[in-house]
Amino acid sequence: MTVPQSRFAFLGAILLGVNLAGEVPGTYKSASVELTSPKEHQVFQRSSRESGIAMIEGDALLVENTQTARIQVRVVSAKEPEREITMWVLLTVDLTNHHFRQDIPLPAGGWYSVEVRIQEGEKPWVQKKVEHVGVGEVFLIAGQSNSANHGEGRLRPESDQVVAFDGTHWQLAEDPQPGASGDGGSFIPAFGDALFRHLHVPIGIVATGAGGTSVREWLPKGEAMAAPPTTGANTLTIGTNHWESTGDLYQRLIARGHSLGPTGFRAVLWHQGESDNHQPEGRNITPEQYQEYLRIVIRRSRADWGREVPWFVAQASYHTLEQTGSPELRAAQLAVASGGFALAGPNTDELGMPYRESNGHGVHFNRQGLIRHGELWAEVVSRWLDGM
């Protein structure tokens, strides 16, 4: 690629959160580059069983001109750097704003190392890379405490290819999960490990759950609810006997989805209902209202994301040994996951006393329960993916 005769010419580099500056060969005086994609441990959602698209994006600036430079990117195996996944590919840039963005097809799998080299003539003088990038399966997780970090005992994934994203950074998916409430354990490491064992591709998780929340608290801003939840959280009182959602939880969920890109995740896993089986008189909602509210959340999210995102809805209403679940609420959850509108998740009400905290007396899962909860989700999701 020949650099135009202009003061600012293109430089591209794969460099996470770091700038380069200083003297460079030829007539170039200084350079700076910054990468926004990929990030370390990022998982791109695969578009088929065999492959997906990795986005290379960032900003670059090169002061002075007149020389010929080639800016190239390639992908290699992280464990076997000598094994090329892609050959060197030239990058291009918009010289008006010094921004570059290029999609590179990659086979499903990982970890891969994404490398860049900037050459002056035949000699490379800048070489950088992101060590761990994958193409696999990515899931958003929403709901209340048993979708978040409120379990008894933290878990850590066995595989280093099960990672979590908080909207900004990717990391190993060890509890507590970034982006969700609580500081205890979750089902996510066990879910990710089981899915990885089945699919043999990296698994990315984006957790957004909030402990103690009712389905009505997840409604979009301005949506009316029949009664406020006991906590009054995420709710606005409008006049007499009229309540609306603040939309805060909903907007957080939508923002997390957008942060992954237009096709950056496979599905939403919804695990919520325990709070709606334990509200005092005047604060409770009917199973029919539960179904209506959740349908609103799903329908609006698809509109905001611009595609028919699959939603899995768990059957979840267990509260205590005395209130082991509501058949009516489970039926409402199954009704949402019917007729092609959504998909049925696991029935976690079946995980009784041996799987619950406080020697079986609590609503949250103990370590054994967290592991089994994750396995149940993986069984459901695996069957679905196998049938696609």
Protein backbone atom coordinates (compact mmCIF):
# COMPACT_ATOMS: atom_id res chain seq x y z
CA MET A 1 0.00 0.00 0.00
CA THR A 2 1.42 3.40 -0.98
CA VAL A 3 0.95 6.14 1.59
CA PRO A 4 -0.62 9.29 0.05
CA GLN A 5 1.32 12.54 0.06
CA SER A 6 -0.45 14.03 3.04
CA ARG A 7 0.65 15.00 6.51
CA PHE A 8 -1.26 12.18 8.16
CA ALA A 9 -0.92 8.67 6.80
CA PHE A 10 -2.37 5.41 7.99
CA LEU A 11 -0.86 3.23 10.66
CA GLY A 12 -2.71 0.17 11.95
CA ALA A 13 -1.71 -1.99 14.86
CA ILE A 14 -3.18 -4.54 17.20
CA LEU A 15 -2.31 -3.02 20.56
CA LEU A 16 -4.67 -3.02 23.52
CA GLY A 17 -4.87 0.25 25.42
CA VAL A 18 -1.27 1.29 24.59
CA ASN A 19 0.12 4.09 22.42
CA LEU A 20 3.34 4.00 20.47
CA ALA A 21 5.32 7.21 20.18
CA GLY A 22 8.87 8.08 19.22
CA GLU A 23 11.40 8.11 16.39
CA VAL A 24 10.75 5.71 13.51
CA PRO A 25 12.68 4.81 10.35
CA GLY A 26 12.80 6.87 7.17
CA THR A 27 11.20 10.28 7.18
CA TYR A 28 8.48 9.27 9.67
CA LYS A 29 8.86 11.30 12.88
CA SER A 30 6.32 9.82 15.29
CA ALA A 31 3.45 7.38 15.40
CA SER A 32 0.61 6.43 17.69
CA VAL A 33 -1.87 3.60 17.47
CA GLU A 34 -4.73 2.37 19.65
CA LEU A 35 -6.86 -0.73 19.31
CA THR A 36 -10.51 -0.97 20.32
CA SER A 37 -11.10 -4.48 18.92
CA PRO A 38 -10.19 -7.22 19.57
CA LYS A 39 -9.60 -7.10 23.31
CA GLU A 40 -7.61 -9.62 25.30
CA HIS A 41 -9.72 -12.80 25.84
CA GLN A 42 -12.50 -11.52 23.58
CA VAL A 43 -14.86 -14.11 22.10
CA PHE A 44 -16.56 -13.32 18.79
CA GLN A 45 -19.88 -15.05 18.20
CA ARG A 46 -19.54 -17.66 15.48
CA SER A 47 -21.94 -17.29 12.55
CA SER A 48 -21.88 -20.96 11.60
CA ARG A 49 -20.57 -24.16 13.15
CA GLU A 50 -17.32 -23.68 11.28
CA SER A 51 -16.53 -19.97 11.40
CA GLY A 52 -17.16 -16.40 12.50
CA ILE A 53 -15.91 -12.86 11.96
CA ALA A 54 -13.31 -11.07 14.07
CA MET A 55 -13.42 -7.28 13.91
CA ILE A 56 -10.11 -5.41 13.81
CA GLU A 57 -10.73 -1.79 14.75
CA GLY A 58 -8.83 1.17 16.13
CA ASP A 59 -7.27 4.57 15.48
CA ALA A 60 -3.85 5.41 14.15
CA LEU A 61 -1.77 8.47 13.41
CA LEU A 62 1.51 8.84 11.56
CA VAL A 63 3.12 12.25 11.32
CA GLU A 64 5.17 13.12 8.18
CA ASN A 65 5.02 11.26 4.88
CA THR A 66 6.68 10.31 1.58
CA GLN A 67 7.65 6.74 2.43
CA THR A 68 5.96 3.47 1.53
CA ALA A 69 4.67 1.47 4.49
CA ARG A 70 2.70 -1.73 4.69
CA ILE A 71 0.45 -2.40 7.67
CA GLN A 72 -0.62 -6.02 7.92
CA VAL A 73 -2.49 -8.31 10.29
CA ARG A 74 -2.49 -12.07 10.64
CA VAL A 75 -3.83 -14.67 13.07
CA VAL A 76 -1.87 -17.62 14.44
CA SER A 77 -2.50 -20.35 16.99
CA ALA A 78 -1.80 -19.11 20.51
CA LYS A 79 -0.28 -22.48 21.48
CA GLU A 80 1.54 -23.02 18.18
CA PRO A 81 2.66 -19.59 16.92
CA GLU A 82 4.23 -21.16 13.84
CA ARG A 83 0.78 -22.38 12.69
CA GLU A 84 -0.93 -19.65 10.68
CA ILE A 85 -4.71 -19.41 10.87
CA THR A 86 -4.70 -16.60 8.30
CA MET A 87 -1.88 -15.22 6.17
CA TRP A 88 -0.83 -11.58 6.40
CA VAL A 89 -3.64 -9.23 5.29
CA LEU A 90 -3.28 -5.56 4.44
CA LEU A 91 -5.24 -3.11 6.57
CA THR A 92 -6.74 0.11 5.26
CA VAL A 93 -7.75 3.34 6.98
CA ASP A 94 -10.04 6.31 6.57
CA LEU A 95 -7.52 9.13 6.25
CA THR A 96 -10.10 11.75 7.23
CA ASN A 97 -10.37 10.50 10.80
CA HIS A 98 -7.44 8.04 11.07
CA HIS A 99 -9.83 5.19 11.92
CA PHE A 100 -9.49 1.62 10.69
CA ARG A 101 -11.96 -1.22 10.78
CA GLN A 102 -11.73 -4.53 8.99
CA ASP A 103 -13.53 -7.85 9.40
CA ILE A 104 -11.46 -11.03 9.18
CA PRO A 105 -13.11 -14.46 8.81
CA LEU A 106 -11.76 -17.01 11.28
CA PRO A 107 -12.53 -20.67 11.97
CA ALA A 108 -14.48 -21.39 15.11
CA GLY A 109 -12.11 -22.08 17.98
CA GLY A 110 -9.19 -20.53 19.80
CA TRP A 111 -7.25 -19.31 21.45
CA TYR A 112 -5.75 -17.33 18.59
CA SER A 113 -3.09 -14.61 18.66
CA VAL A 114 -3.82 -11.58 16.48
CA GLU A 115 -0.59 -10.01 15.25
CA VAL A 116 0.22 -6.83 13.35
CA ARG A 117 3.36 -5.73 11.66
CA ILE A 118 4.26 -2.37 10.19
CA GLN A 119 6.93 -2.59 7.53
CA GLU A 120 9.25 0.03 6.09
CA GLY A 121 10.29 -1.50 2.79
CA GLU A 122 10.98 -5.15 3.50
CA LYS A 123 11.86 -4.74 7.17
CA PRO A 124 9.19 -4.88 9.89
CA TRP A 125 9.84 -2.35 12.65
CA VAL A 126 6.68 -2.63 14.73
CA GLN A 127 5.18 -5.96 15.74
CA LYS A 128 2.40 -6.24 18.32
CA LYS A 129 -0.28 -8.80 19.19
CA VAL A 130 -3.29 -9.66 21.31
CA GLU A 131 -2.54 -13.03 22.86
CA HIS A 132 -6.01 -14.58 23.28
CA VAL A 133 -8.88 -14.13 20.82
CA GLY A 134 -11.59 -16.70 20.13
CA VAL A 135 -14.57 -17.49 17.92
CA GLY A 136 -17.27 -19.38 19.79
CA GLU A 137 -20.55 -18.91 21.64
CA VAL A 138 -21.58 -15.81 23.63
CA PHE A 139 -24.61 -15.52 25.95
CA LEU A 140 -26.30 -12.73 27.89
CA ILE A 141 -27.67 -13.78 31.28
CA ALA A 142 -30.40 -11.83 33.05
CA GLY A 143 -32.81 -12.23 35.96
CA GLN A 144 -32.49 -12.19 39.72
CA SER A 145 -30.07 -13.58 42.31
CA ASN A 146 -29.79 -17.14 41.03
CA SER A 147 -28.72 -15.68 37.67
CA ALA A 148 -26.14 -13.54 39.47
CA ASN A 149 -23.52 -13.93 42.24
CA HIS A 150 -25.58 -14.91 45.29
CA GLY A 151 -24.72 -18.60 45.59
CA GLU A 152 -23.06 -20.24 48.56
CA GLY A 153 -19.45 -20.72 47.50
CA ARG A 154 -17.64 -19.29 44.49
CA LEU A 155 -16.80 -21.33 41.41
CA ARG A 156 -13.96 -21.03 38.92
CA PRO A 157 -14.06 -22.50 35.40
CA GLU A 158 -11.83 -25.48 34.75
CA SER A 159 -11.18 -24.29 31.20
CA ASP A 160 -9.36 -21.06 30.41
CA GLN A 161 -11.69 -20.74 27.41
CA VAL A 162 -14.69 -19.76 29.55
CA VAL A 163 -14.59 -15.99 29.88
CA ALA A 164 -16.79 -13.10 31.01
CA PHE A 165 -17.41 -9.57 29.71
CA ASP A 166 -18.52 -6.59 31.81
CA GLY A 167 -19.19 -4.23 28.91
CA THR A 168 -15.58 -3.05 28.78
CA HIS A 169 -13.18 -5.87 29.66
CA TRP A 170 -12.98 -9.61 29.07
CA GLN A 171 -11.60 -11.92 31.77
CA LEU A 172 -11.69 -15.49 33.02
CA ALA A 173 -15.25 -16.24 34.15
CA GLU A 174 -14.47 -16.84 37.79
CA ASP A 175 -16.95 -15.82 40.49
CA PRO A 176 -18.12 -13.27 41.26
CA GLN A 177 -19.11 -12.59 37.67
CA PRO A 178 -18.52 -9.01 36.46
CA GLY A 179 -21.67 -7.09 35.60
CA ALA A 180 -24.04 -8.87 37.98
CA SER A 181 -24.98 -8.21 41.61
CA GLY A 182 -23.62 -10.13 44.59
CA ASP A 183 -20.16 -11.27 45.63
CA GLY A 184 -20.76 -15.01 45.97
CA GLY A 185 -21.03 -17.88 43.53
CA SER A 186 -22.90 -18.42 40.27
CA PHE A 187 -23.84 -21.23 37.90
CA ILE A 188 -21.85 -19.60 35.10
CA PRO A 189 -18.46 -21.37 35.46
CA ALA A 190 -20.16 -24.78 35.49
CA PHE A 191 -22.37 -23.81 32.55
CA GLY A 192 -19.40 -22.56 30.54
CA ASP A 193 -17.29 -25.64 31.29
CA ALA A 194 -20.06 -28.06 30.31
CA LEU A 195 -20.77 -26.16 27.10
CA PHE A 196 -17.07 -25.98 26.24
CA ARG A 197 -16.69 -29.73 26.73
CA HIS A 198 -19.57 -30.27 24.31
CA LEU A 199 -18.72 -27.67 21.65
CA HIS A 200 -14.92 -27.31 21.90
CA VAL A 201 -15.06 -23.56 21.21
CA PRO A 202 -14.54 -20.61 23.57
CA ILE A 203 -17.56 -19.59 25.64
CA GLY A 204 -18.27 -15.93 26.47
CA ILE A 205 -20.67 -14.84 29.21
CA VAL A 206 -22.21 -11.42 29.86
CA ALA A 207 -23.98 -11.40 33.24
CA THR A 208 -26.49 -8.68 34.10
CA GLY A 209 -28.61 -10.25 36.87
CA ALA A 210 -29.78 -8.24 39.89
CA GLY A 211 -30.64 -9.92 43.18
CA GLY A 212 -34.19 -9.80 44.55
CA THR A 213 -35.75 -8.30 41.43
CA SER A 214 -39.25 -8.88 40.14
CA VAL A 215 -39.96 -9.29 36.44
CA ARG A 216 -41.71 -5.89 36.51
CA GLU A 217 -38.43 -4.20 37.48
CA TRP A 218 -36.96 -5.32 34.14
CA LEU A 219 -39.65 -3.56 32.11
CA PRO A 220 -38.59 -0.76 29.74
CA LYS A 221 -38.83 2.79 31.04
CA GLY A 222 -42.38 4.06 31.39
CA GLU A 223 -44.08 0.65 31.24
CA ALA A 224 -46.89 0.45 33.80
CA MET A 225 -47.05 -2.25 36.47
CA ALA A 226 -50.06 -3.47 38.42
CA ALA A 227 -48.34 -3.08 41.79
CA PRO A 228 -44.88 -2.05 42.99
CA PRO A 229 -42.47 -4.72 44.27
CA THR A 230 -41.88 -4.95 47.99
CA THR A 231 -38.54 -3.16 47.78
CA GLY A 232 -39.91 -0.37 45.61
CA ALA A 233 -36.70 -0.59 43.60
CA ASN A 234 -36.56 0.33 39.89
CA THR A 235 -40.06 1.76 40.22
CA LEU A 236 -41.60 5.22 39.92
CA THR A 237 -44.86 6.21 41.59
CA ILE A 238 -46.95 8.25 39.17
CA GLY A 239 -50.03 9.72 40.85
CA THR A 240 -52.37 7.51 42.84
CA ASN A 241 -52.20 3.75 42.35
CA HIS A 242 -50.05 4.04 39.24
CA TRP A 243 -46.50 2.74 39.01
CA GLU A 244 -43.99 2.57 36.20
CA SER A 245 -40.60 1.01 35.64
CA THR A 246 -37.56 3.26 35.69
CA GLY A 247 -36.13 1.14 32.87
CA ASP A 248 -32.69 1.03 34.52
CA LEU A 249 -32.29 -2.76 34.49
CA TYR A 250 -33.73 -3.03 31.01
CA GLN A 251 -31.41 -0.36 29.66
CA ARG A 252 -28.39 -2.05 31.23
CA LEU A 253 -29.32 -5.29 29.50
CA ILE A 254 -29.77 -3.53 26.15
CA ALA A 255 -26.48 -1.67 26.52
CA ARG A 256 -24.60 -4.92 27.21
CA GLY A 257 -26.06 -6.42 24.06
CA HIS A 258 -25.10 -3.40 21.98
CA SER A 259 -21.56 -3.50 23.35
CA LEU A 260 -21.12 -6.89 21.68
CA GLY A 261 -22.13 -5.66 18.25
CA PRO A 262 -25.22 -6.32 16.11
CA THR A 263 -24.70 -10.11 15.98
CA GLY A 264 -22.26 -10.47 18.86
CA PHE A 265 -24.17 -12.96 21.04
CA ARG A 266 -26.23 -16.08 20.53
CA ALA A 267 -29.11 -15.77 23.02
CA VAL A 268 -30.38 -14.46 26.36
CA LEU A 269 -30.72 -16.86 29.29
CA TRP A 270 -33.46 -15.65 31.68
CA HIS A 271 -33.60 -17.05 35.23
CA GLN A 272 -36.05 -15.17 37.42
CA GLY A 273 -39.33 -15.74 39.26
CA GLU A 274 -38.49 -16.47 42.88
CA SER A 275 -39.39 -12.93 43.98
CA ASP A 276 -42.71 -13.06 42.14
CA ASN A 277 -43.65 -16.12 44.16
CA HIS A 278 -43.04 -14.31 47.42
CA GLN A 279 -44.73 -10.89 47.50
CA PRO A 280 -47.15 -9.79 50.24
CA GLU A 281 -50.75 -8.86 49.57
CA GLY A 282 -50.95 -5.65 47.58
CA ARG A 283 -47.48 -6.13 46.11
CA ASN A 284 -48.01 -9.37 44.23
CA ILE A 285 -48.74 -9.92 40.54
CA THR A 286 -50.66 -12.75 38.92
CA PRO A 287 -49.05 -15.40 36.73
CA GLU A 288 -50.89 -13.84 33.79
CA GLN A 289 -49.33 -10.46 34.55
CA TYR A 290 -45.91 -12.09 34.88
CA GLN A 291 -46.32 -13.57 31.42
CA GLU A 292 -47.44 -10.22 29.98
CA TYR A 293 -44.50 -8.31 31.48
CA LEU A 294 -41.86 -10.79 30.35
CA ARG A 295 -43.27 -10.78 26.84
CA ILE A 296 -42.95 -6.99 26.80
CA VAL A 297 -39.31 -7.21 27.88
CA ILE A 298 -38.49 -9.79 25.20
CA ARG A 299 -40.42 -8.04 22.42
CA ARG A 300 -38.91 -4.64 23.14
CA SER A 301 -35.37 -6.01 23.47
CA ARG A 302 -35.60 -7.55 20.02
CA ALA A 303 -36.73 -4.25 18.59
CA ASP A 304 -33.90 -2.39 20.31
CA TRP A 305 -31.28 -4.91 19.20
CA GLY A 306 -32.70 -5.01 15.69
CA ARG A 307 -33.00 -8.78 15.39
CA GLU A 308 -35.04 -11.71 16.69
CA VAL A 309 -32.73 -12.64 19.55
CA PRO A 310 -33.58 -16.05 21.04
CA TRP A 311 -34.58 -15.97 24.72
CA PHE A 312 -34.49 -19.01 27.00
CA VAL A 313 -36.90 -18.77 29.95
CA ALA A 314 -36.22 -20.96 32.99
CA GLN A 315 -38.95 -22.34 35.21
CA ALA A 316 -37.95 -20.73 38.46
CA SER A 317 -40.18 -19.99 41.46
CA TYR A 318 -38.59 -21.86 44.39
CA HIS A 319 -38.35 -19.80 47.56
CA THR A 320 -37.96 -21.90 50.72
CA LEU A 321 -38.59 -25.40 52.05
CA GLU A 322 -42.09 -24.20 52.84
CA GLN A 323 -42.54 -22.59 49.40
CA THR A 324 -40.80 -24.95 47.01
CA GLY A 325 -42.34 -23.41 43.92
CA SER A 326 -45.48 -22.24 42.19
CA PRO A 327 -46.96 -24.51 39.49
CA GLU A 328 -48.98 -21.52 38.24
CA LEU A 329 -45.88 -19.33 37.83
CA ARG A 330 -43.95 -22.13 36.13
CA ALA A 331 -46.87 -22.56 33.77
CA ALA A 332 -46.70 -18.84 32.95
CA GLN A 333 -42.98 -19.12 32.24
CA LEU A 334 -43.60 -22.10 29.99
CA ALA A 335 -46.36 -20.16 28.23
CA VAL A 336 -43.86 -17.41 27.36
CA ALA A 337 -41.58 -20.11 25.97
CA SER A 338 -44.21 -21.49 23.62
CA GLY A 339 -45.44 -21.02 20.10
CA GLY A 340 -41.98 -20.05 18.91
CA PHE A 341 -41.93 -16.79 20.89
CA ALA A 342 -39.16 -17.99 23.22
CA LEU A 343 -37.48 -21.20 24.31
CA ALA A 344 -37.86 -23.23 27.50
CA GLY A 345 -34.93 -23.21 29.89
CA PRO A 346 -34.41 -25.74 32.69
CA ASN A 347 -36.84 -26.31 35.55
CA THR A 348 -34.61 -25.38 38.47
CA ASP A 349 -37.43 -25.76 40.99
CA GLU A 350 -36.50 -29.45 40.83
CA LEU A 351 -33.28 -28.62 42.66
CA GLY A 352 -34.52 -28.93 46.20
CA MET A 353 -33.03 -29.07 49.69
CA PRO A 354 -29.71 -30.86 48.88
CA TYR A 355 -28.86 -28.11 46.40
CA ARG A 356 -29.78 -25.05 48.48
CA GLU A 357 -27.81 -22.81 50.83
CA SER A 358 -28.03 -22.75 54.63
CA ASN A 359 -28.29 -26.53 54.85
CA GLY A 360 -31.16 -26.59 52.40
CA HIS A 361 -33.22 -23.81 53.98
CA GLY A 362 -32.35 -20.96 51.59
CA VAL A 363 -33.43 -19.83 48.14
CA HIS A 364 -29.91 -19.62 46.71
CA PHE A 365 -27.86 -22.56 45.54
CA ASN A 366 -24.98 -24.14 47.44
CA ARG A 367 -21.86 -25.31 45.61
CA GLN A 368 -23.47 -28.57 44.53
CA GLY A 369 -26.54 -26.66 43.38
CA LEU A 370 -24.51 -24.12 41.41
CA ILE A 371 -22.76 -26.91 39.52
CA ARG A 372 -26.00 -28.76 38.79
CA HIS A 373 -27.73 -25.50 37.82
CA GLY A 374 -24.98 -24.83 35.28
CA GLU A 375 -25.17 -28.37 33.91
CA LEU A 376 -28.95 -28.08 33.44
CA TRP A 377 -28.54 -24.88 31.44
CA ALA A 378 -25.78 -26.46 29.34
CA GLU A 379 -27.96 -29.49 28.56
CA VAL A 380 -30.79 -27.29 27.30
CA VAL A 381 -28.58 -24.95 25.27
CA SER A 382 -26.50 -27.80 23.82
CA ARG A 383 -29.56 -29.63 22.53
CA TRP A 384 -30.78 -26.46 20.88
CA LEU A 385 -27.44 -25.70 19.24
CA ASP A 386 -27.10 -29.30 18.06
CA GLY A 387 -30.44 -28.97 16.29
CA MET A 388 -29.58 -25.79 14.41
